[in-house]
Amino acid sequence: MPIYDYRCEKCGHFEAKQKITDDPLTVCPECGSPVHRLISKNVGVVFKGSGFYKTDNSLKDKARTLNKARQVDNQAILDGDVKGFVEQSEKTTKNIAESGAG
């Protein structure tokens, strides 16, 4: 439920928690004087969950990094390059640890 800013002609500034569909207050709840709803600014917004660039793309990037590492490791094994596999695995592990993908 949003919090709206109001200015009372006698008391000064106050806030009121109201539904978006509620009509604006017209009198101060403290003294009964007329009030004016103020235009709010600097509203903080937090996007959580899926469906947002920050959360979705970072997960896809991590998945791509891991899949590419697995492909390189598998190819090294198929080629019989055990030394290359070990070196590549160590490099991959280091990269994953540095990127925070693990």
PDB file of N, CA and C in Angstrom:
ATOM      1  N   MET A   1       0.856  -1.161   0.000  1.00  0.00           N
ATOM      2  CA  MET A   1       0.000   0.000   0.000  1.00  0.00           C
ATOM      3  C   MET A   1       0.914   1.239   0.000  1.00  0.00           C
ATOM      4  N   PRO A   2       0.670   2.185  -0.901  1.00  0.00           N
ATOM      5  CA  PRO A   2       1.534   3.362  -0.992  1.00  0.00           C
ATOM      6  C   PRO A   2       1.347   4.338   0.174  1.00  0.00           C
ATOM      7  N   ILE A   3       2.391   5.105   0.415  1.00  0.00           N
ATOM      8  CA  ILE A   3       2.356   6.157   1.428  1.00  0.00           C
ATOM      9  C   ILE A   3       2.354   7.495   0.696  1.00  0.00           C
ATOM     10  N   TYR A   4       1.371   8.324   0.990  1.00  0.00           N
ATOM     11  CA  TYR A   4       1.232   9.623   0.337  1.00  0.00           C
ATOM     12  C   TYR A   4       1.634  10.734   1.304  1.00  0.00           C
ATOM     13  N   ASP A   5       2.254  11.776   0.742  1.00  0.00           N
ATOM     14  CA  ASP A   5       2.641  12.956   1.517  1.00  0.00           C
ATOM     15  C   ASP A   5       1.536  14.005   1.429  1.00  0.00           C
ATOM     16  N   TYR A   6       1.243  14.604   2.578  1.00  0.00           N
ATOM     17  CA  TYR A   6       0.244  15.670   2.650  1.00  0.00           C
ATOM     18  C   TYR A   6       0.823  16.856   3.411  1.00  0.00           C
ATOM     19  N   ARG A   7       0.278  18.045   3.133  1.00  0.00           N
ATOM     20  CA  ARG A   7       0.648  19.234   3.902  1.00  0.00           C
ATOM     21  C   ARG A   7      -0.633  19.830   4.478  1.00  0.00           C
ATOM     22  N   CYS A   8      -0.646  19.893   5.818  1.00  0.00           N
ATOM     23  CA  CYS A   8      -1.765  20.510   6.531  1.00  0.00           C
ATOM     24  C   CYS A   8      -1.472  22.005   6.653  1.00  0.00           C
ATOM     25  N   GLU A   9      -2.508  22.828   6.507  1.00  0.00           N
ATOM     26  CA  GLU A   9      -2.323  24.277   6.595  1.00  0.00           C
ATOM     27  C   GLU A   9      -1.941  24.728   8.004  1.00  0.00           C
ATOM     28  N   LYS A  10      -2.277  23.928   9.028  1.00  0.00           N
ATOM     29  CA  LYS A  10      -1.929  24.299  10.410  1.00  0.00           C
ATOM     30  C   LYS A  10      -0.798  23.440  10.974  1.00  0.00           C
ATOM     31  N   CYS A  11      -0.906  22.116  10.831  1.00  0.00           N
ATOM     32  CA  CYS A  11       0.064  21.194  11.454  1.00  0.00           C
ATOM     33  C   CYS A  11       1.359  21.044  10.658  1.00  0.00           C
ATOM     34  N   GLY A  12       1.289  21.194   9.369  1.00  0.00           N
ATOM     35  CA  GLY A  12       2.476  20.981   8.533  1.00  0.00           C
ATOM     36  C   GLY A  12       2.388  19.668   7.769  1.00  0.00           C
ATOM     37  N   HIS A  13       3.522  19.030   7.624  1.00  0.00           N
ATOM     38  CA  HIS A  13       3.646  17.830   6.785  1.00  0.00           C
ATOM     39  C   HIS A  13       3.268  16.567   7.558  1.00  0.00           C
ATOM     40  N   PHE A  14       2.586  15.642   6.876  1.00  0.00           N
ATOM     41  CA  PHE A  14       2.347  14.302   7.427  1.00  0.00           C
ATOM     42  C   PHE A  14       2.195  13.310   6.283  1.00  0.00           C
ATOM     43  N   GLU A  15       2.287  12.046   6.616  1.00  0.00           N
ATOM     44  CA  GLU A  15       2.154  10.975   5.627  1.00  0.00           C
ATOM     45  C   GLU A  15       0.941  10.127   5.969  1.00  0.00           C
ATOM     46  N   ALA A  16       0.327   9.555   4.941  1.00  0.00           N
ATOM     47  CA  ALA A  16      -0.828   8.682   5.141  1.00  0.00           C
ATOM     48  C   ALA A  16      -0.706   7.469   4.226  1.00  0.00           C
ATOM     49  N   LYS A  17      -0.914   6.296   4.800  1.00  0.00           N
ATOM     50  CA  LYS A  17      -0.901   5.058   4.020  1.00  0.00           C
ATOM     51  C   LYS A  17      -2.314   4.835   3.491  1.00  0.00           C
ATOM     52  N   GLN A  18      -2.439   4.780   2.154  1.00  0.00           N
ATOM     53  CA  GLN A  18      -3.752   4.641   1.528  1.00  0.00           C
ATOM     54  C   GLN A  18      -3.668   3.699   0.336  1.00  0.00           C
ATOM     55  N   LYS A  19      -4.804   3.120  -0.010  1.00  0.00           N
ATOM     56  CA  LYS A  19      -4.888   2.348  -1.248  1.00  0.00           C
ATOM     57  C   LYS A  19      -4.811   3.311  -2.425  1.00  0.00           C
ATOM     58  N   ILE A  20      -4.359   2.820  -3.550  1.00  0.00           N
ATOM     59  CA  ILE A  20      -4.285   3.651  -4.749  1.00  0.00           C
ATOM     60  C   ILE A  20      -5.678   4.121  -5.160  1.00  0.00           C
ATOM     61  N   THR A  21      -6.667   3.300  -4.916  1.00  0.00           N
ATOM     62  CA  THR A  21      -8.040   3.624  -5.322  1.00  0.00           C
ATOM     63  C   THR A  21      -8.750   4.572  -4.355  1.00  0.00           C
ATOM     64  N   ASP A  22      -8.169   4.818  -3.167  1.00  0.00           N
ATOM     65  CA  ASP A  22      -8.790   5.735  -2.200  1.00  0.00           C
ATOM     66  C   ASP A  22      -8.719   7.174  -2.700  1.00  0.00           C
ATOM     67  N   ASP A  23      -9.731   7.952  -2.356  1.00  0.00           N
ATOM     68  CA  ASP A  23      -9.707   9.385  -2.667  1.00  0.00           C
ATOM     69  C   ASP A  23      -8.676  10.071  -1.775  1.00  0.00           C
ATOM     70  N   PRO A  24      -8.058  11.156  -2.273  1.00  0.00           N
ATOM     71  CA  PRO A  24      -7.101  11.900  -1.441  1.00  0.00           C
ATOM     72  C   PRO A  24      -7.787  12.473  -0.199  1.00  0.00           C
ATOM     73  N   LEU A  25      -7.035  12.595   0.889  1.00  0.00           N
ATOM     74  CA  LEU A  25      -7.574  13.207   2.102  1.00  0.00           C
ATOM     75  C   LEU A  25      -7.825  14.687   1.838  1.00  0.00           C
ATOM     76  N   THR A  26      -8.841  15.225   2.476  1.00  0.00           N
ATOM     77  CA  THR A  26      -9.152  16.650   2.309  1.00  0.00           C
ATOM     78  C   THR A  26      -9.010  17.411   3.616  1.00  0.00           C
ATOM     79  N   VAL A  27      -9.054  16.686   4.753  1.00  0.00           N
ATOM     80  CA  VAL A  27      -8.884  17.325   6.065  1.00  0.00           C
ATOM     81  C   VAL A  27      -7.827  16.575   6.864  1.00  0.00           C
ATOM     82  N   CYS A  28      -7.143  17.308   7.718  1.00  0.00           N
ATOM     83  CA  CYS A  28      -6.090  16.736   8.561  1.00  0.00           C
ATOM     84  C   CYS A  28      -6.716  15.831   9.626  1.00  0.00           C
ATOM     85  N   PRO A  29      -6.189  14.621   9.808  1.00  0.00           N
ATOM     86  CA  PRO A  29      -6.746  13.731  10.826  1.00  0.00           C
ATOM     87  C   PRO A  29      -6.469  14.233  12.252  1.00  0.00           C
ATOM     88  N   GLU A  30      -5.496  15.141  12.430  1.00  0.00           N
ATOM     89  CA  GLU A  30      -5.152  15.657  13.759  1.00  0.00           C
ATOM     90  C   GLU A  30      -6.008  16.863  14.162  1.00  0.00           C
ATOM     91  N   CYS A  31      -6.074  17.861  13.242  1.00  0.00           N
ATOM     92  CA  CYS A  31      -6.731  19.118  13.630  1.00  0.00           C
ATOM     93  C   CYS A  31      -7.968  19.458  12.798  1.00  0.00           C
ATOM     94  N   GLY A  32      -8.200  18.741  11.703  1.00  0.00           N
ATOM     95  CA  GLY A  32      -9.377  18.989  10.879  1.00  0.00           C
ATOM     96  C   GLY A  32      -9.221  20.111   9.866  1.00  0.00           C
ATOM     97  N   SER A  33      -8.021  20.682   9.767  1.00  0.00           N
ATOM     98  CA  SER A  33      -7.771  21.754   8.789  1.00  0.00           C
ATOM     99  C   SER A  33      -7.635  21.174   7.389  1.00  0.00           C
ATOM    100  N   PRO A  34      -7.811  22.009   6.361  1.00  0.00           N
ATOM    101  CA  PRO A  34      -7.648  21.529   4.982  1.00  0.00           C
ATOM    102  C   PRO A  34      -6.213  21.049   4.707  1.00  0.00           C
ATOM    103  N   VAL A  35      -6.105  20.023   3.867  1.00  0.00           N
ATOM    104  CA  VAL A  35      -4.790  19.481   3.495  1.00  0.00           C
ATOM    105  C   VAL A  35      -4.678  19.410   1.978  1.00  0.00           C
ATOM    106  N   HIS A  36      -3.445  19.355   1.506  1.00  0.00           N
ATOM    107  CA  HIS A  36      -3.147  19.215   0.082  1.00  0.00           C
ATOM    108  C   HIS A  36      -2.191  18.042  -0.076  1.00  0.00           C
ATOM    109  N   ARG A  37      -2.506  17.169  -1.022  1.00  0.00           N
ATOM    110  CA  ARG A  37      -1.595  16.049  -1.281  1.00  0.00           C
ATOM    111  C   ARG A  37      -0.421  16.569  -2.094  1.00  0.00           C
ATOM    112  N   LEU A  38       0.785  16.200  -1.681  1.00  0.00           N
ATOM    113  CA  LEU A  38       2.002  16.631  -2.348  1.00  0.00           C
ATOM    114  C   LEU A  38       2.403  15.617  -3.408  1.00  0.00           C
ATOM    115  N   ILE A  39       3.113  16.089  -4.401  1.00  0.00           N
ATOM    116  CA  ILE A  39       3.635  15.193  -5.432  1.00  0.00           C
ATOM    117  C   ILE A  39       4.905  14.553  -4.889  1.00  0.00           C
ATOM    118  N   SER A  40       4.929  13.240  -4.854  1.00  0.00           N
ATOM    119  CA  SER A  40       6.088  12.519  -4.321  1.00  0.00           C
ATOM    120  C   SER A  40       7.183  12.425  -5.365  1.00  0.00           C
ATOM    121  N   LYS A  41       8.415  12.337  -4.891  1.00  0.00           N
ATOM    122  CA  LYS A  41       9.555  12.144  -5.783  1.00  0.00           C
ATOM    123  C   LYS A  41      10.566  11.257  -5.078  1.00  0.00           C
ATOM    124  N   ASN A  42      11.577  10.825  -5.813  1.00  0.00           N
ATOM    125  CA  ASN A  42      12.614   9.941  -5.279  1.00  0.00           C
ATOM    126  C   ASN A  42      12.028   8.657  -4.701  1.00  0.00           C
ATOM    127  N   VAL A  43      11.223   8.002  -5.479  1.00  0.00           N
ATOM    128  CA  VAL A  43      10.604   6.759  -5.053  1.00  0.00           C
ATOM    129  C   VAL A  43      11.547   5.610  -5.380  1.00  0.00           C
ATOM    130  N   GLY A  44      11.851   4.791  -4.393  1.00  0.00           N
ATOM    131  CA  GLY A  44      12.719   3.635  -4.608  1.00  0.00           C
ATOM    132  C   GLY A  44      11.922   2.458  -5.136  1.00  0.00           C
ATOM    133  N   VAL A  45      12.446   1.820  -6.169  1.00  0.00           N
ATOM    134  CA  VAL A  45      11.783   0.660  -6.756  1.00  0.00           C
ATOM    135  C   VAL A  45      12.779  -0.491  -6.781  1.00  0.00           C
ATOM    136  N   VAL A  46      12.348  -1.653  -6.331  1.00  0.00           N
ATOM    137  CA  VAL A  46      13.197  -2.836  -6.344  1.00  0.00           C
ATOM    138  C   VAL A  46      12.513  -3.896  -7.192  1.00  0.00           C
ATOM    139  N   PHE A  47      13.232  -4.389  -8.208  1.00  0.00           N
ATOM    140  CA  PHE A  47      12.707  -5.441  -9.068  1.00  0.00           C
ATOM    141  C   PHE A  47      13.246  -6.774  -8.582  1.00  0.00           C
ATOM    142  N   LYS A  48      12.356  -7.659  -8.152  1.00  0.00           N
ATOM    143  CA  LYS A  48      12.759  -8.968  -7.656  1.00  0.00           C
ATOM    144  C   LYS A  48      12.095 -10.055  -8.487  1.00  0.00           C
ATOM    145  N   GLY A  49      12.713 -11.212  -8.492  1.00  0.00           N
ATOM    146  CA  GLY A  49      12.129 -12.355  -9.178  1.00  0.00           C
ATOM    147  C   GLY A  49      12.555 -12.444 -10.624  1.00  0.00           C
ATOM    148  N   SER A  50      11.941 -13.357 -11.347  1.00  0.00           N
ATOM    149  CA  SER A  50      12.306 -13.548 -12.747  1.00  0.00           C
ATOM    150  C   SER A  50      11.584 -12.522 -13.610  1.00  0.00           C
ATOM    151  N   GLY A  51      12.060 -12.389 -14.842  1.00  0.00           N
ATOM    152  CA  GLY A  51      11.434 -11.462 -15.767  1.00  0.00           C
ATOM    153  C   GLY A  51      12.152 -10.138 -15.876  1.00  0.00           C
ATOM    154  N   PHE A  52      13.271  -9.986 -15.193  1.00  0.00           N
ATOM    155  CA  PHE A  52      14.025  -8.745 -15.239  1.00  0.00           C
ATOM    156  C   PHE A  52      15.420  -9.012 -15.777  1.00  0.00           C
ATOM    157  N   TYR A  53      15.980  -8.058 -16.494  1.00  0.00           N
ATOM    158  CA  TYR A  53      17.278  -8.201 -17.150  1.00  0.00           C
ATOM    159  C   TYR A  53      18.357  -8.648 -16.168  1.00  0.00           C
ATOM    160  N   LYS A  54      18.428  -8.009 -15.025  1.00  0.00           N
ATOM    161  CA  LYS A  54      19.501  -8.286 -14.070  1.00  0.00           C
ATOM    162  C   LYS A  54      19.485  -9.738 -13.603  1.00  0.00           C
ATOM    163  N   THR A  55      18.317 -10.266 -13.284  1.00  0.00           N
ATOM    164  CA  THR A  55      18.254 -11.631 -12.767  1.00  0.00           C
ATOM    165  C   THR A  55      18.321 -12.670 -13.878  1.00  0.00           C
ATOM    166  N   ASP A  56      17.618 -12.447 -14.961  1.00  0.00           N
ATOM    167  CA  ASP A  56      17.562 -13.457 -16.017  1.00  0.00           C
ATOM    168  C   ASP A  56      18.861 -13.578 -16.794  1.00  0.00           C
ATOM    169  N   ASN A  57      19.449 -12.463 -17.201  1.00  0.00           N
ATOM    170  CA  ASN A  57      20.652 -12.533 -18.020  1.00  0.00           C
ATOM    171  C   ASN A  57      21.861 -13.013 -17.250  1.00  0.00           C
ATOM    172  N   SER A  58      21.979 -12.690 -15.982  1.00  0.00           N
ATOM    173  CA  SER A  58      23.129 -13.168 -15.231  1.00  0.00           C
ATOM    174  C   SER A  58      23.075 -14.687 -15.098  1.00  0.00           C
ATOM    175  N   LEU A  59      21.882 -15.249 -14.959  1.00  0.00           N
ATOM    176  CA  LEU A  59      21.754 -16.705 -14.878  1.00  0.00           C
ATOM    177  C   LEU A  59      22.088 -17.362 -16.212  1.00  0.00           C
ATOM    178  N   LYS A  60      21.646 -16.757 -17.312  1.00  0.00           N
ATOM    179  CA  LYS A  60      21.945 -17.307 -18.633  1.00  0.00           C
ATOM    180  C   LYS A  60      23.439 -17.251 -18.920  1.00  0.00           C
ATOM    181  N   ASP A  61      24.098 -16.153 -18.526  1.00  0.00           N
ATOM    182  CA  ASP A  61      25.537 -16.030 -18.743  1.00  0.00           C
ATOM    183  C   ASP A  61      26.300 -17.105 -17.977  1.00  0.00           C
ATOM    184  N   LYS A  62      25.895 -17.372 -16.753  1.00  0.00           N
ATOM    185  CA  LYS A  62      26.558 -18.410 -15.957  1.00  0.00           C
ATOM    186  C   LYS A  62      26.358 -19.778 -16.600  1.00  0.00           C
ATOM    187  N   ALA A  63      25.156 -20.040 -17.080  1.00  0.00           N
ATOM    188  CA  ALA A  63      24.877 -21.325 -17.724  1.00  0.00           C
ATOM    189  C   ALA A  63      25.710 -21.483 -18.994  1.00  0.00           C
ATOM    190  N   ARG A  64      25.832 -20.415 -19.790  1.00  0.00           N
ATOM    191  CA  ARG A  64      26.654 -20.474 -21.005  1.00  0.00           C
ATOM    192  C   ARG A  64      28.115 -20.749 -20.670  1.00  0.00           C
ATOM    193  N   THR A  65      28.632 -20.097 -19.636  1.00  0.00           N
ATOM    194  CA  THR A  65      30.022 -20.303 -19.224  1.00  0.00           C
ATOM    195  C   THR A  65      30.252 -21.753 -18.828  1.00  0.00           C
ATOM    196  N   LEU A  66      29.347 -22.301 -18.047  1.00  0.00           N
ATOM    197  CA  LEU A  66      29.499 -23.691 -17.610  1.00  0.00           C
ATOM    198  C   LEU A  66      29.391 -24.661 -18.782  1.00  0.00           C
ATOM    199  N   ASN A  67      28.455 -24.438 -19.696  1.00  0.00           N
ATOM    200  CA  ASN A  67      28.302 -25.325 -20.853  1.00  0.00           C
ATOM    201  C   ASN A  67      29.528 -25.290 -21.751  1.00  0.00           C
ATOM    202  N   LYS A  68      30.075 -24.104 -21.974  1.00  0.00           N
ATOM    203  CA  LYS A  68      31.267 -23.991 -22.804  1.00  0.00           C
ATOM    204  C   LYS A  68      32.439 -24.720 -22.148  1.00  0.00           C
ATOM    205  N   ALA A  69      32.578 -24.587 -20.848  1.00  0.00           N
ATOM    206  CA  ALA A  69      33.656 -25.272 -20.132  1.00  0.00           C
ATOM    207  C   ALA A  69      33.505 -26.787 -20.258  1.00  0.00           C
ATOM    208  N   ARG A  70      32.291 -27.271 -20.151  1.00  0.00           N
ATOM    209  CA  ARG A  70      32.066 -28.715 -20.286  1.00  0.00           C
ATOM    210  C   ARG A  70      32.409 -29.198 -21.693  1.00  0.00           C
ATOM    211  N   GLN A  71      32.055 -28.424 -22.701  1.00  0.00           N
ATOM    212  CA  GLN A  71      32.364 -28.814 -24.080  1.00  0.00           C
ATOM    213  C   GLN A  71      33.869 -28.900 -24.304  1.00  0.00           C
ATOM    214  N   VAL A  72      34.613 -27.925 -23.800  1.00  0.00           N
ATOM    215  CA  VAL A  72      36.074 -27.929 -23.949  1.00  0.00           C
ATOM    216  C   VAL A  72      36.669 -29.126 -23.224  1.00  0.00           C
ATOM    217  N   ASP A  73      36.191 -29.396 -22.007  1.00  0.00           N
ATOM    218  CA  ASP A  73      36.684 -30.543 -21.244  1.00  0.00           C
ATOM    219  C   ASP A  73      36.386 -31.852 -21.963  1.00  0.00           C
ATOM    220  N   ASN A  74      35.178 -32.001 -22.474  1.00  0.00           N
ATOM    221  CA  ASN A  74      34.801 -33.227 -23.179  1.00  0.00           C
ATOM    222  C   ASN A  74      35.644 -33.429 -24.433  1.00  0.00           C
ATOM    223  N   GLN A  75      35.907 -32.361 -25.170  1.00  0.00           N
ATOM    224  CA  GLN A  75      36.713 -32.473 -26.383  1.00  0.00           C
ATOM    225  C   GLN A  75      38.139 -32.891 -26.044  1.00  0.00           C
ATOM    226  N   ALA A  76      38.698 -32.359 -24.967  1.00  0.00           N
ATOM    227  CA  ALA A  76      40.053 -32.735 -24.554  1.00  0.00           C
ATOM    228  C   ALA A  76      40.111 -34.221 -24.213  1.00  0.00           C
ATOM    229  N   ILE A  77      39.093 -34.735 -23.561  1.00  0.00           N
ATOM    230  CA  ILE A  77      39.064 -36.162 -23.219  1.00  0.00           C
ATOM    231  C   ILE A  77      38.964 -36.996 -24.493  1.00  0.00           C
ATOM    232  N   LEU A  78      38.084 -36.603 -25.415  1.00  0.00           N
ATOM    233  CA  LEU A  78      37.930 -37.350 -26.670  1.00  0.00           C
ATOM    234  C   LEU A  78      39.220 -37.354 -27.488  1.00  0.00           C
ATOM    235  N   ASP A  79      39.966 -36.263 -27.434  1.00  0.00           N
ATOM    236  CA  ASP A  79      41.227 -36.180 -28.168  1.00  0.00           C
ATOM    237  C   ASP A  79      42.349 -36.941 -27.470  1.00  0.00           C
ATOM    238  N   GLY A  80      42.091 -37.441 -26.272  1.00  0.00           N
ATOM    239  CA  GLY A  80      43.116 -38.174 -25.534  1.00  0.00           C
ATOM    240  C   GLY A  80      44.157 -37.262 -24.910  1.00  0.00           C
ATOM    241  N   ASP A  81      43.871 -36.000 -24.826  1.00  0.00           N
ATOM    242  CA  ASP A  81      44.815 -35.020 -24.284  1.00  0.00           C
ATOM    243  C   ASP A  81      44.561 -34.856 -22.789  1.00  0.00           C
ATOM    244  N   VAL A  82      45.075 -35.800 -21.998  1.00  0.00           N
ATOM    245  CA  VAL A  82      44.838 -35.785 -20.560  1.00  0.00           C
ATOM    246  C   VAL A  82      45.492 -34.563 -19.919  1.00  0.00           C
ATOM    247  N   LYS A  83      46.728 -34.256 -20.329  1.00  0.00           N
ATOM    248  CA  LYS A  83      47.422 -33.097 -19.769  1.00  0.00           C
ATOM    249  C   LYS A  83      46.642 -31.814 -20.096  1.00  0.00           C
ATOM    250  N   GLY A  84      46.193 -31.694 -21.349  1.00  0.00           N
ATOM    251  CA  GLY A  84      45.408 -30.531 -21.748  1.00  0.00           C
ATOM    252  C   GLY A  84      44.099 -30.453 -20.985  1.00  0.00           C
ATOM    253  N   PHE A  85      43.487 -31.622 -20.739  1.00  0.00           N
ATOM    254  CA  PHE A  85      42.238 -31.674 -19.976  1.00  0.00           C
ATOM    255  C   PHE A  85      42.449 -31.138 -18.568  1.00  0.00           C
ATOM    256  N   VAL A  86      43.523 -31.599 -17.918  1.00  0.00           N
ATOM    257  CA  VAL A  86      43.805 -31.166 -16.549  1.00  0.00           C
ATOM    258  C   VAL A  86      44.077 -29.661 -16.515  1.00  0.00           C
ATOM    259  N   GLU A  87      44.895 -29.178 -17.461  1.00  0.00           N
ATOM    260  CA  GLU A  87      45.198 -27.746 -17.499  1.00  0.00           C
ATOM    261  C   GLU A  87      43.935 -26.923 -17.754  1.00  0.00           C
ATOM    262  N   GLN A  88      43.131 -27.381 -18.711  1.00  0.00           N
ATOM    263  CA  GLN A  88      41.898 -26.653 -19.034  1.00  0.00           C
ATOM    264  C   GLN A  88      40.922 -26.688 -17.861  1.00  0.00           C
ATOM    265  N   SER A  89      40.841 -27.819 -17.170  1.00  0.00           N
ATOM    266  CA  SER A  89      39.944 -27.933 -16.017  1.00  0.00           C
ATOM    267  C   SER A  89      40.351 -26.970 -14.912  1.00  0.00           C
ATOM    268  N   GLU A  90      41.660 -26.872 -14.677  1.00  0.00           N
ATOM    269  CA  GLU A  90      42.143 -25.946 -13.649  1.00  0.00           C
ATOM    270  C   GLU A  90      41.827 -24.500 -14.032  1.00  0.00           C
ATOM    271  N   LYS A  91      42.021 -24.184 -15.311  1.00  0.00           N
ATOM    272  CA  LYS A  91      41.735 -22.829 -15.795  1.00  0.00           C
ATOM    273  C   LYS A  91      40.234 -22.536 -15.690  1.00  0.00           C
ATOM    274  N   THR A  92      39.419 -23.516 -16.071  1.00  0.00           N
ATOM    275  CA  THR A  92      37.966 -23.353 -16.012  1.00  0.00           C
ATOM    276  C   THR A  92      37.503 -23.159 -14.575  1.00  0.00           C
ATOM    277  N   THR A  93      38.032 -23.971 -13.668  1.00  0.00           N
ATOM    278  CA  THR A  93      37.669 -23.859 -12.259  1.00  0.00           C
ATOM    279  C   THR A  93      38.027 -22.479 -11.722  1.00  0.00           C
ATOM    280  N   LYS A  94      39.202 -21.993 -12.097  1.00  0.00           N
ATOM    281  CA  LYS A  94      39.639 -20.665 -11.656  1.00  0.00           C
ATOM    282  C   LYS A  94      38.711 -19.582 -12.213  1.00  0.00           C
ATOM    283  N   ASN A  95      38.361 -19.684 -13.504  1.00  0.00           N
ATOM    284  CA  ASN A  95      37.479 -18.688 -14.126  1.00  0.00           C
ATOM    285  C   ASN A  95      36.089 -18.684 -13.493  1.00  0.00           C
ATOM    286  N   ILE A  96      35.583 -19.870 -13.213  1.00  0.00           N
ATOM    287  CA  ILE A  96      34.256 -19.969 -12.596  1.00  0.00           C
ATOM    288  C   ILE A  96      34.279 -19.370 -11.196  1.00  0.00           C
ATOM    289  N   ALA A  97      35.343 -19.661 -10.444  1.00  0.00           N
ATOM    290  CA  ALA A  97      35.453 -19.117  -9.091  1.00  0.00           C
ATOM    291  C   ALA A  97      35.537 -17.593  -9.118  1.00  0.00           C
ATOM    292  N   GLU A  98      36.276 -17.049 -10.086  1.00  0.00           N
ATOM    293  CA  GLU A  98      36.423 -15.594 -10.187  1.00  0.00           C
ATOM    294  C   GLU A  98      35.132 -14.915 -10.624  1.00  0.00           C
ATOM    295  N   SER A  99      34.364 -15.587 -11.489  1.00  0.00           N
ATOM    296  CA  SER A  99      33.127 -14.970 -11.984  1.00  0.00           C
ATOM    297  C   SER A  99      31.955 -15.182 -11.038  1.00  0.00           C
ATOM    298  N   GLY A 100      32.110 -16.082 -10.071  1.00  0.00           N
ATOM    299  CA  GLY A 100      31.020 -16.360  -9.144  1.00  0.00           C
ATOM    300  C   GLY A 100      29.938 -17.222  -9.739  1.00  0.00           C
ATOM    301  N   ALA A 101      30.244 -17.947 -10.818  1.00  0.00           N
ATOM    302  CA  ALA A 101      29.233 -18.760 -11.500  1.00  0.00           C
ATOM    303  C   ALA A 101      29.012 -20.091 -10.817  1.00  0.00           C
ATOM    304  N   GLY A 102      29.789 -20.446  -9.843  1.00  0.00           N
ATOM    305  CA  GLY A 102      29.672 -21.768  -9.239  1.00  0.00           C
ATOM    306  C   GLY A 102      28.915 -21.833  -8.003  1.00  0.00           C
TER     307      GLY A 102
END
